[in-house]
Amino acid sequence: MREGGEEQAPLLSRAEALGLGRDRSGAGAAGPGPGWRHACHVLLHAPLPAGAPPPGHAVLMQLRFDGRFGFPGGLAEPGEPLEAALERELREELGPAAAALRLRPRHHRGARAWPRGGAGSDGGLVTHLYVRRLRLDELEALERGGARAPEHGLEVQGLVRVPLGVGLPAFLQNQFAGDAREQLLGALPALGVQPPPTAQDPTGAPPEPGEPLTPTPAAGEEGNEPVE
């Protein structure tokens, strides 16, 4: 449930999200349906060395220009494939180390649709979350190179590691972009992190109808797969 008792939008698969706005004949089946904008973001994580405190993962988020936390990524241009859009945004927001990062449909972990005019609307914003596992050296390269990203100091103020231990409840009291907080909470169990009980009552409001979730980027090689 969201603030004010509003139900969270149902989780959609990648195919279901891309099917929004298409007519029954299948017109436009090669890309997003008309009237819908698609914002793609990625949770980048890496396993920590043996002996590190539980849960043994580093998870990146970014501090945005508006003082809110979010994941790297941004809006796809009309006709732009989702994964290509996400890779572009990562290069702009994460810098040179993100150039080698590749996102594939298998990294997609779900999407939510936010109709512009309420339920039944023929347009609005779709927020997609991808989860990508990196090696620790790849994640550290992103952290070091972030200051050289084109959007550093503009859209992106800096990268942060999410405190997944005793600091998580305090971190969750921050303001988050759109549904980034819910995306984080939904992804944590796969990393062996159980969100604190109070985390199920989000403090942030849902995205405004049609509000874009501002961008961010990453890096990796084939074979470094996310937690399934």
C-alpha atoms as a PDB file:
ATOM      1  CA  MET A   1       0.000   0.000   0.000  1.00  0.00           C
ATOM      2  CA  ARG A   2       1.125   3.522  -0.718  1.00  0.00           C
ATOM      3  CA  GLU A   3       0.678   6.648   1.330  1.00  0.00           C
ATOM      4  CA  GLY A   4      -2.990   7.477   1.727  1.00  0.00           C
ATOM      5  CA  GLY A   5      -4.008   3.834   1.209  1.00  0.00           C
ATOM      6  CA  GLU A   6      -3.418   3.861  -2.551  1.00  0.00           C
ATOM      7  CA  GLU A   7      -2.728   0.427  -4.023  1.00  0.00           C
ATOM      8  CA  GLN A   8       0.625  -0.068  -5.665  1.00  0.00           C
ATOM      9  CA  ALA A   9       0.444  -0.642  -9.411  1.00  0.00           C
ATOM     10  CA  PRO A  10       0.648  -4.370 -10.290  1.00  0.00           C
ATOM     11  CA  LEU A  11       3.971  -5.789 -11.410  1.00  0.00           C
ATOM     12  CA  LEU A  12       4.202  -6.353 -15.169  1.00  0.00           C
ATOM     13  CA  SER A  13       6.570  -8.445 -17.244  1.00  0.00           C
ATOM     14  CA  ARG A  14       8.679  -6.778 -19.915  1.00  0.00           C
ATOM     15  CA  ALA A  15       6.352  -8.114 -22.635  1.00  0.00           C
ATOM     16  CA  GLU A  16       3.228  -6.926 -20.819  1.00  0.00           C
ATOM     17  CA  ALA A  17       4.719  -3.460 -20.341  1.00  0.00           C
ATOM     18  CA  LEU A  18       5.653  -3.169 -24.009  1.00  0.00           C
ATOM     19  CA  GLY A  19       2.159  -4.310 -24.954  1.00  0.00           C
ATOM     20  CA  LEU A  20       0.481  -1.331 -23.294  1.00  0.00           C
ATOM     21  CA  GLY A  21      -1.301   0.793 -25.879  1.00  0.00           C
ATOM     22  CA  ARG A  22      -1.110  -1.713 -28.718  1.00  0.00           C
ATOM     23  CA  ASP A  23      -4.289  -2.552 -30.544  1.00  0.00           C
ATOM     24  CA  ARG A  24      -5.607  -6.093 -30.781  1.00  0.00           C
ATOM     25  CA  SER A  25      -4.190  -6.528 -34.283  1.00  0.00           C
ATOM     26  CA  GLY A  26      -0.684  -6.340 -32.806  1.00  0.00           C
ATOM     27  CA  ALA A  27       0.185  -3.044 -34.477  1.00  0.00           C
ATOM     28  CA  GLY A  28       3.406  -1.618 -33.060  1.00  0.00           C
ATOM     29  CA  ALA A  29       4.401  -5.012 -31.671  1.00  0.00           C
ATOM     30  CA  ALA A  30       8.083  -4.283 -32.255  1.00  0.00           C
ATOM     31  CA  GLY A  31       8.224  -1.530 -29.619  1.00  0.00           C
ATOM     32  CA  PRO A  32       6.366   0.348 -26.882  1.00  0.00           C
ATOM     33  CA  GLY A  33       2.726   1.156 -27.528  1.00  0.00           C
ATOM     34  CA  PRO A  34       1.758   4.761 -28.316  1.00  0.00           C
ATOM     35  CA  GLY A  35       0.970   7.109 -25.452  1.00  0.00           C
ATOM     36  CA  TRP A  36       3.298   5.458 -22.968  1.00  0.00           C
ATOM     37  CA  ARG A  37       6.749   6.631 -21.939  1.00  0.00           C
ATOM     38  CA  HIS A  38       9.197   4.062 -20.576  1.00  0.00           C
ATOM     39  CA  ALA A  39      11.701   4.864 -17.815  1.00  0.00           C
ATOM     40  CA  CYS A  40      14.368   2.176 -17.367  1.00  0.00           C
ATOM     41  CA  HIS A  41      16.595   1.982 -14.300  1.00  0.00           C
ATOM     42  CA  VAL A  42      19.033  -0.612 -13.014  1.00  0.00           C
ATOM     43  CA  LEU A  43      20.072  -1.904  -9.619  1.00  0.00           C
ATOM     44  CA  LEU A  44      23.794  -2.637  -9.874  1.00  0.00           C
ATOM     45  CA  HIS A  45      25.263  -4.892  -7.227  1.00  0.00           C
ATOM     46  CA  ALA A  46      28.415  -6.903  -6.559  1.00  0.00           C
ATOM     47  CA  PRO A  47      29.363  -9.590  -4.033  1.00  0.00           C
ATOM     48  CA  LEU A  48      31.788  -8.495  -1.332  1.00  0.00           C
ATOM     49  CA  PRO A  49      34.898 -10.480  -0.328  1.00  0.00           C
ATOM     50  CA  ALA A  50      34.628 -13.390   2.076  1.00  0.00           C
ATOM     51  CA  GLY A  51      34.449 -12.173   5.645  1.00  0.00           C
ATOM     52  CA  ALA A  52      32.534  -9.010   4.818  1.00  0.00           C
ATOM     53  CA  PRO A  53      29.563  -8.241   7.100  1.00  0.00           C
ATOM     54  CA  PRO A  54      26.227  -9.752   6.003  1.00  0.00           C
ATOM     55  CA  PRO A  55      24.554  -9.705   3.559  1.00  0.00           C
ATOM     56  CA  GLY A  56      27.810  -9.567   1.600  1.00  0.00           C
ATOM     57  CA  HIS A  57      26.628  -7.376  -1.283  1.00  0.00           C
ATOM     58  CA  ALA A  58      27.283  -3.808  -2.388  1.00  0.00           C
ATOM     59  CA  VAL A  59      24.278  -2.079  -3.999  1.00  0.00           C
ATOM     60  CA  LEU A  60      24.568   1.255  -5.812  1.00  0.00           C
ATOM     61  CA  MET A  61      22.097   4.109  -5.880  1.00  0.00           C
ATOM     62  CA  GLN A  62      22.617   7.739  -6.830  1.00  0.00           C
ATOM     63  CA  LEU A  63      21.826  11.078  -5.270  1.00  0.00           C
ATOM     64  CA  ARG A  64      19.926  13.143  -7.830  1.00  0.00           C
ATOM     65  CA  PHE A  65      19.820  16.841  -8.523  1.00  0.00           C
ATOM     66  CA  ASP A  66      16.547  17.155  -6.578  1.00  0.00           C
ATOM     67  CA  GLY A  67      17.952  15.639  -3.381  1.00  0.00           C
ATOM     68  CA  ARG A  68      16.201  12.296  -3.879  1.00  0.00           C
ATOM     69  CA  PHE A  69      17.791   8.880  -4.234  1.00  0.00           C
ATOM     70  CA  GLY A  70      17.225   6.744  -7.320  1.00  0.00           C
ATOM     71  CA  PHE A  71      18.772   4.138  -9.553  1.00  0.00           C
ATOM     72  CA  PRO A  72      20.852   4.885 -12.648  1.00  0.00           C
ATOM     73  CA  GLY A  73      18.790   5.109 -15.842  1.00  0.00           C
ATOM     74  CA  GLY A  74      16.238   7.286 -17.558  1.00  0.00           C
ATOM     75  CA  LEU A  75      13.668   7.635 -20.310  1.00  0.00           C
ATOM     76  CA  ALA A  76      13.743   5.725 -23.591  1.00  0.00           C
ATOM     77  CA  GLU A  77      13.367   7.843 -26.708  1.00  0.00           C
ATOM     78  CA  PRO A  78      10.436   7.009 -29.043  1.00  0.00           C
ATOM     79  CA  GLY A  79      11.325   3.818 -30.924  1.00  0.00           C
ATOM     80  CA  GLU A  80      14.478   3.210 -28.852  1.00  0.00           C
ATOM     81  CA  PRO A  81      14.855  -0.345 -27.480  1.00  0.00           C
ATOM     82  CA  LEU A  82      14.632  -0.396 -23.694  1.00  0.00           C
ATOM     83  CA  GLU A  83      18.046  -1.939 -23.067  1.00  0.00           C
ATOM     84  CA  ALA A  84      19.767   0.392 -25.563  1.00  0.00           C
ATOM     85  CA  ALA A  85      18.162   3.376 -23.808  1.00  0.00           C
ATOM     86  CA  LEU A  86      19.351   2.153 -20.429  1.00  0.00           C
ATOM     87  CA  GLU A  87      22.919   1.611 -21.662  1.00  0.00           C
ATOM     88  CA  ARG A  88      22.936   5.141 -23.133  1.00  0.00           C
ATOM     89  CA  GLU A  89      21.742   6.654 -19.887  1.00  0.00           C
ATOM     90  CA  LEU A  90      24.343   4.725 -17.922  1.00  0.00           C
ATOM     91  CA  ARG A  91      27.161   6.074 -20.068  1.00  0.00           C
ATOM     92  CA  GLU A  92      25.888   9.615 -19.526  1.00  0.00           C
ATOM     93  CA  GLU A  93      25.465   9.258 -15.775  1.00  0.00           C
ATOM     94  CA  LEU A  94      28.177   6.791 -14.733  1.00  0.00           C
ATOM     95  CA  GLY A  95      31.017   7.761 -17.021  1.00  0.00           C
ATOM     96  CA  PRO A  96      33.705   5.804 -18.914  1.00  0.00           C
ATOM     97  CA  ALA A  97      33.490   2.639 -16.814  1.00  0.00           C
ATOM     98  CA  ALA A  98      29.877   2.170 -17.915  1.00  0.00           C
ATOM     99  CA  ALA A  99      30.835   1.799 -21.582  1.00  0.00           C
ATOM    100  CA  ALA A 100      31.372  -1.954 -21.242  1.00  0.00           C
ATOM    101  CA  LEU A 101      28.128  -2.618 -19.402  1.00  0.00           C
ATOM    102  CA  ARG A 102      25.499  -4.555 -21.347  1.00  0.00           C
ATOM    103  CA  LEU A 103      21.881  -4.996 -20.351  1.00  0.00           C
ATOM    104  CA  ARG A 104      19.716  -7.758 -21.769  1.00  0.00           C
ATOM    105  CA  PRO A 105      16.002  -8.611 -21.491  1.00  0.00           C
ATOM    106  CA  ARG A 106      16.928 -11.373 -19.025  1.00  0.00           C
ATOM    107  CA  HIS A 107      18.067  -8.693 -16.558  1.00  0.00           C
ATOM    108  CA  HIS A 108      14.538  -7.220 -16.469  1.00  0.00           C
ATOM    109  CA  ARG A 109      12.909  -7.714 -13.069  1.00  0.00           C
ATOM    110  CA  GLY A 110       9.519  -6.089 -13.541  1.00  0.00           C
ATOM    111  CA  ALA A 111       7.661  -2.935 -14.546  1.00  0.00           C
ATOM    112  CA  ARG A 112       4.787  -0.837 -13.234  1.00  0.00           C
ATOM    113  CA  ALA A 113       2.418   1.353 -15.245  1.00  0.00           C
ATOM    114  CA  TRP A 114       1.273   4.749 -13.982  1.00  0.00           C
ATOM    115  CA  PRO A 115      -1.645   5.890 -16.202  1.00  0.00           C
ATOM    116  CA  ARG A 116      -1.688   9.598 -16.909  1.00  0.00           C
ATOM    117  CA  GLY A 117      -5.444   9.883 -16.377  1.00  0.00           C
ATOM    118  CA  GLY A 118      -6.003   7.098 -13.869  1.00  0.00           C
ATOM    119  CA  ALA A 119      -7.039   3.479 -14.404  1.00  0.00           C
ATOM    120  CA  GLY A 120      -8.055   2.739 -17.982  1.00  0.00           C
ATOM    121  CA  SER A 121      -6.037   5.604 -19.428  1.00  0.00           C
ATOM    122  CA  ASP A 122      -4.379   5.040 -22.812  1.00  0.00           C
ATOM    123  CA  GLY A 123      -1.068   6.600 -21.796  1.00  0.00           C
ATOM    124  CA  GLY A 124       1.286   7.457 -18.977  1.00  0.00           C
ATOM    125  CA  LEU A 125       4.625   6.361 -17.536  1.00  0.00           C
ATOM    126  CA  VAL A 126       6.004   2.814 -17.240  1.00  0.00           C
ATOM    127  CA  THR A 127       8.854   2.298 -14.777  1.00  0.00           C
ATOM    128  CA  HIS A 128      11.124  -0.689 -15.459  1.00  0.00           C
ATOM    129  CA  LEU A 129      13.696  -2.161 -13.084  1.00  0.00           C
ATOM    130  CA  TYR A 130      16.677  -4.187 -14.225  1.00  0.00           C
ATOM    131  CA  VAL A 131      19.047  -5.996 -11.848  1.00  0.00           C
ATOM    132  CA  ARG A 132      22.649  -6.540 -12.949  1.00  0.00           C
ATOM    133  CA  ARG A 133      25.371  -8.309 -11.035  1.00  0.00           C
ATOM    134  CA  LEU A 134      28.926  -7.028 -11.469  1.00  0.00           C
ATOM    135  CA  ARG A 135      32.304  -8.059 -10.170  1.00  0.00           C
ATOM    136  CA  LEU A 136      33.439  -5.933  -7.254  1.00  0.00           C
ATOM    137  CA  ASP A 137      36.251  -4.382  -9.313  1.00  0.00           C
ATOM    138  CA  GLU A 138      33.704  -3.318 -11.950  1.00  0.00           C
ATOM    139  CA  LEU A 139      31.495  -1.695  -9.339  1.00  0.00           C
ATOM    140  CA  GLU A 140      34.483   0.094  -7.808  1.00  0.00           C
ATOM    141  CA  ALA A 141      35.492   1.370 -11.263  1.00  0.00           C
ATOM    142  CA  LEU A 142      32.051   2.941 -11.605  1.00  0.00           C
ATOM    143  CA  GLU A 143      32.442   4.610  -8.223  1.00  0.00           C
ATOM    144  CA  ARG A 144      35.873   6.001  -9.118  1.00  0.00           C
ATOM    145  CA  GLY A 145      34.845   7.188 -12.574  1.00  0.00           C
ATOM    146  CA  GLY A 146      31.530   8.763 -11.673  1.00  0.00           C
ATOM    147  CA  ALA A 147      33.030  12.239 -11.395  1.00  0.00           C
ATOM    148  CA  ARG A 148      33.972  12.072 -15.095  1.00  0.00           C
ATOM    149  CA  ALA A 149      30.433  11.309 -16.251  1.00  0.00           C
ATOM    150  CA  PRO A 150      28.778  13.983 -18.450  1.00  0.00           C
ATOM    151  CA  GLU A 151      25.872  14.289 -15.997  1.00  0.00           C
ATOM    152  CA  HIS A 152      28.000  14.456 -12.840  1.00  0.00           C
ATOM    153  CA  GLY A 153      27.082  17.590 -10.902  1.00  0.00           C
ATOM    154  CA  LEU A 154      23.985  18.045 -13.073  1.00  0.00           C
ATOM    155  CA  GLU A 155      21.438  15.216 -12.990  1.00  0.00           C
ATOM    156  CA  VAL A 156      23.664  13.113 -10.730  1.00  0.00           C
ATOM    157  CA  GLN A 157      25.316  14.465  -7.586  1.00  0.00           C
ATOM    158  CA  GLY A 158      27.104  11.249  -6.690  1.00  0.00           C
ATOM    159  CA  LEU A 159      26.900   7.488  -6.225  1.00  0.00           C
ATOM    160  CA  VAL A 160      26.260   5.863  -2.845  1.00  0.00           C
ATOM    161  CA  ARG A 161      26.310   2.320  -1.510  1.00  0.00           C
ATOM    162  CA  VAL A 162      23.053   1.408   0.175  1.00  0.00           C
ATOM    163  CA  PRO A 163      23.663   0.479   3.846  1.00  0.00           C
ATOM    164  CA  LEU A 164      22.130  -2.984   3.903  1.00  0.00           C
ATOM    165  CA  GLY A 165      22.758  -3.731   7.582  1.00  0.00           C
ATOM    166  CA  VAL A 166      21.676  -1.784  10.656  1.00  0.00           C
ATOM    167  CA  GLY A 167      21.676   1.445   8.642  1.00  0.00           C
ATOM    168  CA  LEU A 168      18.958   0.330   6.219  1.00  0.00           C
ATOM    169  CA  PRO A 169      15.932   1.564   8.232  1.00  0.00           C
ATOM    170  CA  ALA A 170      17.472   5.037   8.523  1.00  0.00           C
ATOM    171  CA  PHE A 171      18.378   5.085   4.819  1.00  0.00           C
ATOM    172  CA  LEU A 172      14.784   4.249   3.898  1.00  0.00           C
ATOM    173  CA  GLN A 173      13.610   7.448   5.604  1.00  0.00           C
ATOM    174  CA  ASN A 174      15.177   9.488   2.799  1.00  0.00           C
ATOM    175  CA  GLN A 175      13.194  10.803  -0.151  1.00  0.00           C
ATOM    176  CA  PHE A 176      13.256   8.627  -3.274  1.00  0.00           C
ATOM    177  CA  ALA A 177      12.526   9.331  -6.929  1.00  0.00           C
ATOM    178  CA  GLY A 178       9.215   7.880  -8.101  1.00  0.00           C
ATOM    179  CA  ASP A 179       8.934   4.243  -7.059  1.00  0.00           C
ATOM    180  CA  ALA A 180      12.688   3.696  -6.533  1.00  0.00           C
ATOM    181  CA  ARG A 181      12.119   2.885  -2.864  1.00  0.00           C
ATOM    182  CA  GLU A 182       9.635   0.138  -3.706  1.00  0.00           C
ATOM    183  CA  GLN A 183      11.960  -1.157  -6.429  1.00  0.00           C
ATOM    184  CA  LEU A 184      14.796  -1.407  -3.899  1.00  0.00           C
ATOM    185  CA  LEU A 185      12.653  -3.208  -1.334  1.00  0.00           C
ATOM    186  CA  GLY A 186      11.368  -5.645  -3.940  1.00  0.00           C
ATOM    187  CA  ALA A 187      14.887  -6.558  -5.107  1.00  0.00           C
ATOM    188  CA  LEU A 188      16.558  -6.987  -1.710  1.00  0.00           C
ATOM    189  CA  PRO A 189      15.232 -10.483  -0.825  1.00  0.00           C
ATOM    190  CA  ALA A 190      17.069 -11.963  -3.830  1.00  0.00           C
ATOM    191  CA  LEU A 191      20.282 -10.605  -2.281  1.00  0.00           C
ATOM    192  CA  GLY A 192      19.536 -12.201   1.078  1.00  0.00           C
ATOM    193  CA  VAL A 193      18.278  -8.990   2.697  1.00  0.00           C
ATOM    194  CA  GLN A 194      14.917  -8.943   4.438  1.00  0.00           C
ATOM    195  CA  PRO A 195      13.515  -5.366   4.530  1.00  0.00           C
ATOM    196  CA  PRO A 196      12.615  -4.107   8.020  1.00  0.00           C
ATOM    197  CA  PRO A 197       8.894  -4.529   8.889  1.00  0.00           C
ATOM    198  CA  THR A 198       8.187  -0.791   8.756  1.00  0.00           C
ATOM    199  CA  ALA A 199       9.617  -0.629   5.228  1.00  0.00           C
ATOM    200  CA  GLN A 200       6.304  -1.820   3.831  1.00  0.00           C
ATOM    201  CA  ASP A 201       4.745   1.605   4.487  1.00  0.00           C
ATOM    202  CA  PRO A 202       6.432   3.834   1.881  1.00  0.00           C
ATOM    203  CA  THR A 203       6.955   7.456   2.864  1.00  0.00           C
ATOM    204  CA  GLY A 204       7.237   8.754  -0.683  1.00  0.00           C
ATOM    205  CA  ALA A 205       4.343   9.580  -2.965  1.00  0.00           C
ATOM    206  CA  PRO A 206       3.852   7.751  -6.285  1.00  0.00           C
ATOM    207  CA  PRO A 207       5.139   9.437  -9.441  1.00  0.00           C
ATOM    208  CA  GLU A 208       2.978  12.222 -10.773  1.00  0.00           C
ATOM    209  CA  PRO A 209       1.046  11.019 -13.853  1.00  0.00           C
ATOM    210  CA  GLY A 210       3.545  10.992 -16.694  1.00  0.00           C
ATOM    211  CA  GLU A 211       6.434  12.196 -14.520  1.00  0.00           C
ATOM    212  CA  PRO A 212       9.782  10.943 -15.893  1.00  0.00           C
ATOM    213  CA  LEU A 213      12.231   9.332 -13.505  1.00  0.00           C
ATOM    214  CA  THR A 214      15.544  11.041 -14.084  1.00  0.00           C
ATOM    215  CA  PRO A 215      18.542   8.945 -15.419  1.00  0.00           C
ATOM    216  CA  THR A 216      21.834   7.129 -14.407  1.00  0.00           C
ATOM    217  CA  PRO A 217      24.596   4.311 -15.893  1.00  0.00           C
ATOM    218  CA  ALA A 218      27.038   1.091 -15.320  1.00  0.00           C
ATOM    219  CA  ALA A 219      29.641  -1.658 -16.623  1.00  0.00           C
ATOM    220  CA  GLY A 220      30.292  -5.425 -16.928  1.00  0.00           C
ATOM    221  CA  GLU A 221      31.069  -8.439 -19.045  1.00  0.00           C
ATOM    222  CA  GLU A 222      29.075 -11.347 -20.389  1.00  0.00           C
ATOM    223  CA  GLY A 223      28.903 -14.088 -17.782  1.00  0.00           C
ATOM    224  CA  ASN A 224      28.490 -11.753 -14.777  1.00  0.00           C
ATOM    225  CA  GLU A 225      24.812 -12.429 -14.301  1.00  0.00           C
ATOM    226  CA  PRO A 226      22.421 -10.948 -11.724  1.00  0.00           C
ATOM    227  CA  VAL A 227      20.971 -13.035  -8.935  1.00  0.00           C
ATOM    228  CA  GLU A 228      18.180 -15.068 -10.491  1.00  0.00           C
END
